Amino acid sequence: MEAKLKMILNKNERYKDFIHLDTPTPFSTWAKGKEYETVQVHDSSVFEFDGQEGILGFVGVFTWKNDTLSPLDGDVYDPDMPVIAYEEFEGGVDVLVEAGKW
């Protein structure tokens, strides 16, 4: 993960507690054998607004059961999207993926 993105995440209340992976890992590999009622996808694309940098953030949601991805919002997601950070919560997980690769 590039230093600029790490800095933005660490300053952002929403993302500061995410666990960062050493290398981007395909979601299907990272989640193999796990079950999640809710997987919330966050895009790490960096943007500037009103003089401050941030990331795009939440872009969609799906379930992950029996190593199968099922969208909950009608969108299409790549099961091999590269996860760079995550934060688990009861029944689910937030995943931060490489910019534009969900």
PDB file of N, CA and C in Angstrom:
ATOM      1  N   MET A   1       0.857  -1.167   0.000  1.00  0.00           N
ATOM      2  CA  MET A   1       0.000   0.000   0.000  1.00  0.00           C
ATOM      3  C   MET A   1       0.905   1.232   0.000  1.00  0.00           C
ATOM      4  N   GLU A   2       0.574   2.168  -0.859  1.00  0.00           N
ATOM      5  CA  GLU A   2       1.409   3.362  -0.950  1.00  0.00           C
ATOM      6  C   GLU A   2       1.286   4.218   0.311  1.00  0.00           C
ATOM      7  N   ALA A   3       2.358   4.941   0.612  1.00  0.00           N
ATOM      8  CA  ALA A   3       2.442   5.740   1.843  1.00  0.00           C
ATOM      9  C   ALA A   3       1.345   6.802   1.916  1.00  0.00           C
ATOM     10  N   LYS A   4       1.031   7.432   0.790  1.00  0.00           N
ATOM     11  CA  LYS A   4       0.007   8.478   0.772  1.00  0.00           C
ATOM     12  C   LYS A   4      -1.353   7.915   1.201  1.00  0.00           C
ATOM     13  N   LEU A   5      -1.718   6.757   0.668  1.00  0.00           N
ATOM     14  CA  LEU A   5      -2.992   6.134   1.014  1.00  0.00           C
ATOM     15  C   LEU A   5      -3.010   5.746   2.492  1.00  0.00           C
ATOM     16  N   LYS A   6      -1.915   5.168   2.985  1.00  0.00           N
ATOM     17  CA  LYS A   6      -1.822   4.791   4.390  1.00  0.00           C
ATOM     18  C   LYS A   6      -2.036   6.003   5.297  1.00  0.00           C
ATOM     19  N   MET A   7      -1.435   7.124   4.928  1.00  0.00           N
ATOM     20  CA  MET A   7      -1.568   8.345   5.716  1.00  0.00           C
ATOM     21  C   MET A   7      -3.028   8.818   5.747  1.00  0.00           C
ATOM     22  N   ILE A   8      -3.679   8.787   4.602  1.00  0.00           N
ATOM     23  CA  ILE A   8      -5.087   9.197   4.517  1.00  0.00           C
ATOM     24  C   ILE A   8      -5.951   8.281   5.382  1.00  0.00           C
ATOM     25  N   LEU A   9      -5.717   6.983   5.312  1.00  0.00           N
ATOM     26  CA  LEU A   9      -6.504   6.026   6.092  1.00  0.00           C
ATOM     27  C   LEU A   9      -6.305   6.218   7.594  1.00  0.00           C
ATOM     28  N   ASN A  10      -5.073   6.434   8.007  1.00  0.00           N
ATOM     29  CA  ASN A  10      -4.784   6.589   9.430  1.00  0.00           C
ATOM     30  C   ASN A  10      -5.380   7.865  10.014  1.00  0.00           C
ATOM     31  N   LYS A  11      -5.593   8.875   9.181  1.00  0.00           N
ATOM     32  CA  LYS A  11      -6.190  10.130   9.639  1.00  0.00           C
ATOM     33  C   LYS A  11      -7.722  10.077   9.620  1.00  0.00           C
ATOM     34  N   ASN A  12      -8.275   9.120   8.895  1.00  0.00           N
ATOM     35  CA  ASN A  12      -9.714   9.042   8.703  1.00  0.00           C
ATOM     36  C   ASN A  12     -10.347   8.184   9.798  1.00  0.00           C
ATOM     37  N   GLU A  13     -11.265   8.756  10.553  1.00  0.00           N
ATOM     38  CA  GLU A  13     -11.914   8.054  11.656  1.00  0.00           C
ATOM     39  C   GLU A  13     -12.544   6.727  11.196  1.00  0.00           C
ATOM     40  N   ARG A  14     -13.105   6.706  10.007  1.00  0.00           N
ATOM     41  CA  ARG A  14     -13.776   5.511   9.480  1.00  0.00           C
ATOM     42  C   ARG A  14     -12.816   4.363   9.211  1.00  0.00           C
ATOM     43  N   TYR A  15     -11.590   4.659   8.785  1.00  0.00           N
ATOM     44  CA  TYR A  15     -10.670   3.622   8.324  1.00  0.00           C
ATOM     45  C   TYR A  15      -9.445   3.407   9.215  1.00  0.00           C
ATOM     46  N   LYS A  16      -9.287   4.182  10.259  1.00  0.00           N
ATOM     47  CA  LYS A  16      -8.051   4.123  11.047  1.00  0.00           C
ATOM     48  C   LYS A  16      -7.828   2.787  11.744  1.00  0.00           C
ATOM     49  N   ASP A  17      -8.884   2.011  12.009  1.00  0.00           N
ATOM     50  CA  ASP A  17      -8.736   0.732  12.692  1.00  0.00           C
ATOM     51  C   ASP A  17      -8.705  -0.473  11.752  1.00  0.00           C
ATOM     52  N   PHE A  18      -8.722  -0.228  10.452  1.00  0.00           N
ATOM     53  CA  PHE A  18      -8.643  -1.333   9.499  1.00  0.00           C
ATOM     54  C   PHE A  18      -7.294  -2.033   9.628  1.00  0.00           C
ATOM     55  N   ILE A  19      -7.294  -3.335   9.425  1.00  0.00           N
ATOM     56  CA  ILE A  19      -6.067  -4.125   9.425  1.00  0.00           C
ATOM     57  C   ILE A  19      -5.537  -4.127   7.993  1.00  0.00           C
ATOM     58  N   HIS A  20      -4.296  -3.711   7.818  1.00  0.00           N
ATOM     59  CA  HIS A  20      -3.682  -3.610   6.500  1.00  0.00           C
ATOM     60  C   HIS A  20      -2.967  -4.921   6.155  1.00  0.00           C
ATOM     61  N   LEU A  21      -3.211  -5.422   4.951  1.00  0.00           N
ATOM     62  CA  LEU A  21      -2.528  -6.624   4.474  1.00  0.00           C
ATOM     63  C   LEU A  21      -1.156  -6.249   3.922  1.00  0.00           C
ATOM     64  N   ASP A  22      -0.204  -7.163   4.009  1.00  0.00           N
ATOM     65  CA  ASP A  22       1.140  -6.901   3.487  1.00  0.00           C
ATOM     66  C   ASP A  22       1.136  -6.745   1.973  1.00  0.00           C
ATOM     67  N   THR A  23       0.310  -7.544   1.302  1.00  0.00           N
ATOM     68  CA  THR A  23       0.194  -7.459  -0.154  1.00  0.00           C
ATOM     69  C   THR A  23      -1.288  -7.578  -0.523  1.00  0.00           C
ATOM     70  N   PRO A  24      -1.697  -6.945  -1.620  1.00  0.00           N
ATOM     71  CA  PRO A  24      -3.090  -7.108  -2.056  1.00  0.00           C
ATOM     72  C   PRO A  24      -3.392  -8.595  -2.267  1.00  0.00           C
ATOM     73  N   THR A  25      -4.545  -9.034  -1.772  1.00  0.00           N
ATOM     74  CA  THR A  25      -4.920 -10.447  -1.840  1.00  0.00           C
ATOM     75  C   THR A  25      -6.308 -10.573  -2.445  1.00  0.00           C
ATOM     76  N   PRO A  26      -6.488 -11.458  -3.433  1.00  0.00           N
ATOM     77  CA  PRO A  26      -7.826 -11.638  -4.002  1.00  0.00           C
ATOM     78  C   PRO A  26      -8.837 -11.963  -2.898  1.00  0.00           C
ATOM     79  N   PHE A  27      -9.996 -11.315  -2.949  1.00  0.00           N
ATOM     80  CA  PHE A  27     -11.004 -11.542  -1.924  1.00  0.00           C
ATOM     81  C   PHE A  27     -11.315 -13.024  -1.776  1.00  0.00           C
ATOM     82  N   SER A  28     -11.490 -13.728  -2.893  1.00  0.00           N
ATOM     83  CA  SER A  28     -11.856 -15.147  -2.837  1.00  0.00           C
ATOM     84  C   SER A  28     -10.805 -15.987  -2.121  1.00  0.00           C
ATOM     85  N   THR A  29      -9.546 -15.601  -2.204  1.00  0.00           N
ATOM     86  CA  THR A  29      -8.469 -16.298  -1.491  1.00  0.00           C
ATOM     87  C   THR A  29      -8.491 -15.920  -0.018  1.00  0.00           C
ATOM     88  N   TRP A  30      -8.580 -14.614   0.252  1.00  0.00           N
ATOM     89  CA  TRP A  30      -8.581 -14.117   1.626  1.00  0.00           C
ATOM     90  C   TRP A  30      -9.771 -14.667   2.423  1.00  0.00           C
ATOM     91  N   ALA A  31     -10.944 -14.765   1.794  1.00  0.00           N
ATOM     92  CA  ALA A  31     -12.166 -15.171   2.492  1.00  0.00           C
ATOM     93  C   ALA A  31     -12.487 -16.659   2.376  1.00  0.00           C
ATOM     94  N   LYS A  32     -11.627 -17.419   1.716  1.00  0.00           N
ATOM     95  CA  LYS A  32     -11.903 -18.848   1.498  1.00  0.00           C
ATOM     96  C   LYS A  32     -12.205 -19.539   2.832  1.00  0.00           C
ATOM     97  N   GLY A  33     -13.327 -20.250   2.862  1.00  0.00           N
ATOM     98  CA  GLY A  33     -13.727 -20.988   4.052  1.00  0.00           C
ATOM     99  C   GLY A  33     -14.427 -20.154   5.111  1.00  0.00           C
ATOM    100  N   LYS A  34     -14.544 -18.848   4.882  1.00  0.00           N
ATOM    101  CA  LYS A  34     -15.231 -17.969   5.835  1.00  0.00           C
ATOM    102  C   LYS A  34     -16.665 -17.755   5.379  1.00  0.00           C
ATOM    103  N   GLU A  35     -17.502 -17.309   6.281  1.00  0.00           N
ATOM    104  CA  GLU A  35     -18.905 -16.996   5.978  1.00  0.00           C
ATOM    105  C   GLU A  35     -19.190 -15.581   6.466  1.00  0.00           C
ATOM    106  N   TYR A  36     -19.743 -14.741   5.595  1.00  0.00           N
ATOM    107  CA  TYR A  36     -20.106 -13.379   5.970  1.00  0.00           C
ATOM    108  C   TYR A  36     -21.515 -13.073   5.472  1.00  0.00           C
ATOM    109  N   GLU A  37     -22.390 -12.690   6.376  1.00  0.00           N
ATOM    110  CA  GLU A  37     -23.733 -12.229   6.002  1.00  0.00           C
ATOM    111  C   GLU A  37     -23.640 -10.933   5.205  1.00  0.00           C
ATOM    112  N   THR A  38     -22.655 -10.104   5.577  1.00  0.00           N
ATOM    113  CA  THR A  38     -22.499  -8.798   4.945  1.00  0.00           C
ATOM    114  C   THR A  38     -21.033  -8.531   4.661  1.00  0.00           C
ATOM    115  N   VAL A  39     -20.719  -8.242   3.409  1.00  0.00           N
ATOM    116  CA  VAL A  39     -19.398  -7.769   3.020  1.00  0.00           C
ATOM    117  C   VAL A  39     -19.619  -6.398   2.399  1.00  0.00           C
ATOM    118  N   GLN A  40     -19.070  -5.384   3.046  1.00  0.00           N
ATOM    119  CA  GLN A  40     -19.197  -4.018   2.539  1.00  0.00           C
ATOM    120  C   GLN A  40     -17.891  -3.658   1.834  1.00  0.00           C
ATOM    121  N   VAL A  41     -18.005  -3.269   0.580  1.00  0.00           N
ATOM    122  CA  VAL A  41     -16.844  -2.979  -0.259  1.00  0.00           C
ATOM    123  C   VAL A  41     -16.568  -1.479  -0.235  1.00  0.00           C
ATOM    124  N   HIS A  42     -15.295  -1.133  -0.035  1.00  0.00           N
ATOM    125  CA  HIS A  42     -14.849   0.263  -0.021  1.00  0.00           C
ATOM    126  C   HIS A  42     -13.735   0.410  -1.047  1.00  0.00           C
ATOM    127  N   ASP A  43     -13.843   1.415  -1.896  1.00  0.00           N
ATOM    128  CA  ASP A  43     -12.867   1.690  -2.952  1.00  0.00           C
ATOM    129  C   ASP A  43     -11.819   2.669  -2.417  1.00  0.00           C
ATOM    130  N   SER A  44     -10.546   2.357  -2.621  1.00  0.00           N
ATOM    131  CA  SER A  44      -9.460   3.180  -2.091  1.00  0.00           C
ATOM    132  C   SER A  44      -9.016   4.305  -3.028  1.00  0.00           C
ATOM    133  N   SER A  45      -9.799   4.606  -4.064  1.00  0.00           N
ATOM    134  CA  SER A  45      -9.446   5.712  -4.960  1.00  0.00           C
ATOM    135  C   SER A  45      -9.307   7.007  -4.163  1.00  0.00           C
ATOM    136  N   VAL A  46      -8.177   7.684  -4.333  1.00  0.00           N
ATOM    137  CA  VAL A  46      -7.901   8.934  -3.619  1.00  0.00           C
ATOM    138  C   VAL A  46      -8.448  10.105  -4.427  1.00  0.00           C
ATOM    139  N   PHE A  47      -9.078  11.047  -3.738  1.00  0.00           N
ATOM    140  CA  PHE A  47      -9.580  12.253  -4.378  1.00  0.00           C
ATOM    141  C   PHE A  47      -9.351  13.433  -3.445  1.00  0.00           C
ATOM    142  N   GLU A  48      -9.450  14.619  -4.001  1.00  0.00           N
ATOM    143  CA  GLU A  48      -9.340  15.830  -3.192  1.00  0.00           C
ATOM    144  C   GLU A  48     -10.638  16.607  -3.303  1.00  0.00           C
ATOM    145  N   PHE A  49     -11.137  17.066  -2.168  1.00  0.00           N
ATOM    146  CA  PHE A  49     -12.363  17.860  -2.134  1.00  0.00           C
ATOM    147  C   PHE A  49     -12.185  18.971  -1.112  1.00  0.00           C
ATOM    148  N   ASP A  50     -12.417  20.163  -1.544  1.00  0.00           N
ATOM    149  CA  ASP A  50     -12.351  21.321  -0.649  1.00  0.00           C
ATOM    150  C   ASP A  50     -11.011  21.397   0.087  1.00  0.00           C
ATOM    151  N   GLY A  51      -9.931  21.062  -0.644  1.00  0.00           N
ATOM    152  CA  GLY A  51      -8.589  21.156  -0.089  1.00  0.00           C
ATOM    153  C   GLY A  51      -8.163  19.994   0.795  1.00  0.00           C
ATOM    154  N   GLN A  52      -9.003  18.969   0.929  1.00  0.00           N
ATOM    155  CA  GLN A  52      -8.638  17.823   1.749  1.00  0.00           C
ATOM    156  C   GLN A  52      -8.685  16.544   0.923  1.00  0.00           C
ATOM    157  N   GLU A  53      -7.750  15.650   1.211  1.00  0.00           N
ATOM    158  CA  GLU A  53      -7.716  14.371   0.509  1.00  0.00           C
ATOM    159  C   GLU A  53      -8.508  13.325   1.285  1.00  0.00           C
ATOM    160  N   GLY A  54      -9.150  12.445   0.530  1.00  0.00           N
ATOM    161  CA  GLY A  54      -9.905  11.349   1.119  1.00  0.00           C
ATOM    162  C   GLY A  54      -9.940  10.203   0.141  1.00  0.00           C
ATOM    163  N   ILE A  55     -10.715   9.174   0.477  1.00  0.00           N
ATOM    164  CA  ILE A  55     -10.886   8.065  -0.458  1.00  0.00           C
ATOM    165  C   ILE A  55     -12.359   7.951  -0.813  1.00  0.00           C
ATOM    166  N   LEU A  56     -12.620   7.317  -1.935  1.00  0.00           N
ATOM    167  CA  LEU A  56     -13.988   7.167  -2.417  1.00  0.00           C
ATOM    168  C   LEU A  56     -14.862   6.493  -1.375  1.00  0.00           C
ATOM    169  N   GLY A  57     -14.400   5.383  -0.799  1.00  0.00           N
ATOM    170  CA  GLY A  57     -15.133   4.720   0.284  1.00  0.00           C
ATOM    171  C   GLY A  57     -16.160   3.713  -0.196  1.00  0.00           C
ATOM    172  N   PHE A  58     -17.265   3.619   0.533  1.00  0.00           N
ATOM    173  CA  PHE A  58     -18.280   2.585   0.316  1.00  0.00           C
ATOM    174  C   PHE A  58     -18.828   2.605  -1.111  1.00  0.00           C
ATOM    175  N   VAL A  59     -18.838   1.394  -1.735  1.00  0.00           N
ATOM    176  CA  VAL A  59     -19.365   1.280  -3.092  1.00  0.00           C
ATOM    177  C   VAL A  59     -20.387   0.162  -3.253  1.00  0.00           C
ATOM    178  N   GLY A  60     -20.505  -0.744  -2.273  1.00  0.00           N
ATOM    179  CA  GLY A  60     -21.483  -1.805  -2.436  1.00  0.00           C
ATOM    180  C   GLY A  60     -21.418  -2.863  -1.354  1.00  0.00           C
ATOM    181  N   VAL A  61     -22.331  -3.853  -1.511  1.00  0.00           N
ATOM    182  CA  VAL A  61     -22.468  -4.861  -0.466  1.00  0.00           C
ATOM    183  C   VAL A  61     -22.889  -6.209  -1.068  1.00  0.00           C
ATOM    184  N   PHE A  62     -22.347  -7.290  -0.504  1.00  0.00           N
ATOM    185  CA  PHE A  62     -22.716  -8.638  -0.927  1.00  0.00           C
ATOM    186  C   PHE A  62     -22.577  -9.596   0.252  1.00  0.00           C
ATOM    187  N   THR A  63     -23.052 -10.832   0.061  1.00  0.00           N
ATOM    188  CA  THR A  63     -22.835 -11.888   1.050  1.00  0.00           C
ATOM    189  C   THR A  63     -21.756 -12.819   0.517  1.00  0.00           C
ATOM    190  N   TRP A  64     -21.140 -13.567   1.424  1.00  0.00           N
ATOM    191  CA  TRP A  64     -20.121 -14.548   1.059  1.00  0.00           C
ATOM    192  C   TRP A  64     -20.413 -15.815   1.861  1.00  0.00           C
ATOM    193  N   LYS A  65     -20.963 -16.813   1.166  1.00  0.00           N
ATOM    194  CA  LYS A  65     -21.288 -18.089   1.808  1.00  0.00           C
ATOM    195  C   LYS A  65     -20.889 -19.222   0.881  1.00  0.00           C
ATOM    196  N   ASN A  66     -20.345 -20.284   1.469  1.00  0.00           N
ATOM    197  CA  ASN A  66     -19.888 -21.442   0.684  1.00  0.00           C
ATOM    198  C   ASN A  66     -18.946 -21.009  -0.431  1.00  0.00           C
ATOM    199  N   ASP A  67     -18.088 -20.032  -0.118  1.00  0.00           N
ATOM    200  CA  ASP A  67     -17.113 -19.491  -1.071  1.00  0.00           C
ATOM    201  C   ASP A  67     -17.771 -18.950  -2.340  1.00  0.00           C
ATOM    202  N   THR A  68     -18.988 -18.409  -2.173  1.00  0.00           N
ATOM    203  CA  THR A  68     -19.733 -17.835  -3.292  1.00  0.00           C
ATOM    204  C   THR A  68     -20.179 -16.419  -2.944  1.00  0.00           C
ATOM    205  N   LEU A  69     -19.978 -15.521  -3.872  1.00  0.00           N
ATOM    206  CA  LEU A  69     -20.351 -14.127  -3.719  1.00  0.00           C
ATOM    207  C   LEU A  69     -21.757 -13.922  -4.266  1.00  0.00           C
ATOM    208  N   SER A  70     -22.630 -13.288  -3.465  1.00  0.00           N
ATOM    209  CA  SER A  70     -23.997 -12.982  -3.904  1.00  0.00           C
ATOM    210  C   SER A  70     -24.297 -11.513  -3.617  1.00  0.00           C
ATOM    211  N   PRO A  71     -24.401 -10.678  -4.669  1.00  0.00           N
ATOM    212  CA  PRO A  71     -24.675  -9.252  -4.470  1.00  0.00           C
ATOM    213  C   PRO A  71     -26.009  -9.021  -3.752  1.00  0.00           C
ATOM    214  N   LEU A  72     -26.032  -8.022  -2.892  1.00  0.00           N
ATOM    215  CA  LEU A  72     -27.261  -7.634  -2.197  1.00  0.00           C
ATOM    216  C   LEU A  72     -27.855  -6.354  -2.765  1.00  0.00           C
ATOM    217  N   ASP A  73     -27.156  -5.745  -3.714  1.00  0.00           N
ATOM    218  CA  ASP A  73     -27.591  -4.450  -4.240  1.00  0.00           C
ATOM    219  C   ASP A  73     -27.761  -4.423  -5.753  1.00  0.00           C
ATOM    220  N   GLY A  74     -27.694  -5.595  -6.387  1.00  0.00           N
ATOM    221  CA  GLY A  74     -27.892  -5.653  -7.832  1.00  0.00           C
ATOM    222  C   GLY A  74     -26.645  -5.366  -8.654  1.00  0.00           C
ATOM    223  N   ASP A  75     -25.543  -4.995  -8.008  1.00  0.00           N
ATOM    224  CA  ASP A  75     -24.304  -4.737  -8.736  1.00  0.00           C
ATOM    225  C   ASP A  75     -23.560  -6.047  -8.996  1.00  0.00           C
ATOM    226  N   VAL A  76     -22.503  -5.957  -9.764  1.00  0.00           N
ATOM    227  CA  VAL A  76     -21.656  -7.111 -10.061  1.00  0.00           C
ATOM    228  C   VAL A  76     -20.289  -6.848  -9.444  1.00  0.00           C
ATOM    229  N   TYR A  77     -19.759  -7.839  -8.732  1.00  0.00           N
ATOM    230  CA  TYR A  77     -18.470  -7.707  -8.070  1.00  0.00           C
ATOM    231  C   TYR A  77     -17.539  -8.825  -8.501  1.00  0.00           C
ATOM    232  N   ASP A  78     -16.266  -8.509  -8.580  1.00  0.00           N
ATOM    233  CA  ASP A  78     -15.248  -9.488  -8.938  1.00  0.00           C
ATOM    234  C   ASP A  78     -14.832 -10.234  -7.670  1.00  0.00           C
ATOM    235  N   PRO A  79     -15.036 -11.544  -7.588  1.00  0.00           N
ATOM    236  CA  PRO A  79     -14.639 -12.274  -6.387  1.00  0.00           C
ATOM    237  C   PRO A  79     -13.128 -12.227  -6.144  1.00  0.00           C
ATOM    238  N   ASP A  80     -12.373 -11.854  -7.166  1.00  0.00           N
ATOM    239  CA  ASP A  80     -10.922 -11.738  -7.026  1.00  0.00           C
ATOM    240  C   ASP A  80     -10.465 -10.297  -6.834  1.00  0.00           C
ATOM    241  N   MET A  81     -11.393  -9.409  -6.433  1.00  0.00           N
ATOM    242  CA  MET A  81     -11.002  -8.020  -6.184  1.00  0.00           C
ATOM    243  C   MET A  81      -9.871  -7.994  -5.160  1.00  0.00           C
ATOM    244  N   PRO A  82      -8.839  -7.171  -5.385  1.00  0.00           N
ATOM    245  CA  PRO A  82      -7.673  -7.166  -4.501  1.00  0.00           C
ATOM    246  C   PRO A  82      -7.939  -6.416  -3.187  1.00  0.00           C
ATOM    247  N   VAL A  83      -8.007  -7.177  -2.097  1.00  0.00           N
ATOM    248  CA  VAL A  83      -8.227  -6.596  -0.767  1.00  0.00           C
ATOM    249  C   VAL A  83      -6.892  -6.082  -0.240  1.00  0.00           C
ATOM    250  N   ILE A  84      -6.898  -4.844   0.278  1.00  0.00           N
ATOM    251  CA  ILE A  84      -5.678  -4.272   0.852  1.00  0.00           C
ATOM    252  C   ILE A  84      -5.809  -4.021   2.352  1.00  0.00           C
ATOM    253  N   ALA A  85      -7.053  -3.994   2.850  1.00  0.00           N
ATOM    254  CA  ALA A  85      -7.283  -3.800   4.282  1.00  0.00           C
ATOM    255  C   ALA A  85      -8.707  -4.266   4.607  1.00  0.00           C
ATOM    256  N   TYR A  86      -8.947  -4.531   5.892  1.00  0.00           N
ATOM    257  CA  TYR A  86     -10.283  -4.996   6.287  1.00  0.00           C
ATOM    258  C   TYR A  86     -10.542  -4.690   7.754  1.00  0.00           C
ATOM    259  N   GLU A  87     -11.820  -4.754   8.107  1.00  0.00           N
ATOM    260  CA  GLU A  87     -12.234  -4.647   9.506  1.00  0.00           C
ATOM    261  C   GLU A  87     -13.473  -5.512   9.682  1.00  0.00           C
ATOM    262  N   GLU A  88     -13.368  -6.528  10.524  1.00  0.00           N
ATOM    263  CA  GLU A  88     -14.504  -7.411  10.769  1.00  0.00           C
ATOM    264  C   GLU A  88     -15.438  -6.801  11.810  1.00  0.00           C
ATOM    265  N   PHE A  89     -16.706  -7.130  11.679  1.00  0.00           N
ATOM    266  CA  PHE A  89     -17.722  -6.755  12.662  1.00  0.00           C
ATOM    267  C   PHE A  89     -18.652  -7.947  12.802  1.00  0.00           C
ATOM    268  N   GLU A  90     -19.540  -7.924  13.765  1.00  0.00           N
ATOM    269  CA  GLU A  90     -20.408  -9.071  14.012  1.00  0.00           C
ATOM    270  C   GLU A  90     -21.223  -9.413  12.763  1.00  0.00           C
ATOM    271  N   GLY A  91     -20.954 -10.600  12.203  1.00  0.00           N
ATOM    272  CA  GLY A  91     -21.678 -11.074  11.033  1.00  0.00           C
ATOM    273  C   GLY A  91     -21.162 -10.577   9.699  1.00  0.00           C
ATOM    274  N   GLY A  92     -20.114  -9.755   9.733  1.00  0.00           N
ATOM    275  CA  GLY A  92     -19.662  -9.231   8.454  1.00  0.00           C
ATOM    276  C   GLY A  92     -18.260  -8.668   8.486  1.00  0.00           C
ATOM    277  N   VAL A  93     -17.913  -8.036   7.366  1.00  0.00           N
ATOM    278  CA  VAL A  93     -16.586  -7.461   7.220  1.00  0.00           C
ATOM    279  C   VAL A  93     -16.655  -6.285   6.243  1.00  0.00           C
ATOM    280  N   ASP A  94     -15.882  -5.266   6.529  1.00  0.00           N
ATOM    281  CA  ASP A  94     -15.635  -4.177   5.584  1.00  0.00           C
ATOM    282  C   ASP A  94     -14.319  -4.495   4.906  1.00  0.00           C
ATOM    283  N   VAL A  95     -14.275  -4.453   3.578  1.00  0.00           N
ATOM    284  CA  VAL A  95     -13.022  -4.660   2.859  1.00  0.00           C
ATOM    285  C   VAL A  95     -12.693  -3.426   2.046  1.00  0.00           C
ATOM    286  N   LEU A  96     -11.439  -3.028   2.115  1.00  0.00           N
ATOM    287  CA  LEU A  96     -10.936  -1.926   1.311  1.00  0.00           C
ATOM    288  C   LEU A  96     -10.170  -2.546   0.155  1.00  0.00           C
ATOM    289  N   VAL A  97     -10.558  -2.198  -1.067  1.00  0.00           N
ATOM    290  CA  VAL A  97      -9.943  -2.801  -2.247  1.00  0.00           C
ATOM    291  C   VAL A  97      -9.152  -1.764  -3.021  1.00  0.00           C
ATOM    292  N   GLU A  98      -8.237  -2.253  -3.854  1.00  0.00           N
ATOM    293  CA  GLU A  98      -7.432  -1.354  -4.683  1.00  0.00           C
ATOM    294  C   GLU A  98      -8.364  -0.484  -5.532  1.00  0.00           C
ATOM    295  N   ALA A  99      -7.918   0.706  -5.789  1.00  0.00           N
ATOM    296  CA  ALA A  99      -8.698   1.715  -6.496  1.00  0.00           C
ATOM    297  C   ALA A  99      -9.323   1.171  -7.792  1.00  0.00           C
ATOM    298  N   GLY A 100     -10.654   1.232  -7.858  1.00  0.00           N
ATOM    299  CA  GLY A 100     -11.400   0.874  -9.049  1.00  0.00           C
ATOM    300  C   GLY A 100     -11.434  -0.588  -9.416  1.00  0.00           C
ATOM    301  N   LYS A 101     -10.992  -1.469  -8.539  1.00  0.00           N
ATOM    302  CA  LYS A 101     -10.885  -2.898  -8.900  1.00  0.00           C
ATOM    303  C   LYS A 101     -11.895  -3.769  -8.172  1.00  0.00           C
ATOM    304  N   TRP A 102     -13.097  -3.328  -8.035  1.00  0.00           N
ATOM    305  CA  TRP A 102     -14.116  -4.134  -7.350  1.00  0.00           C
ATOM    306  C   TRP A 102     -15.082  -4.707  -8.344  1.00  0.00           C
TER     307      TRP A 102
END
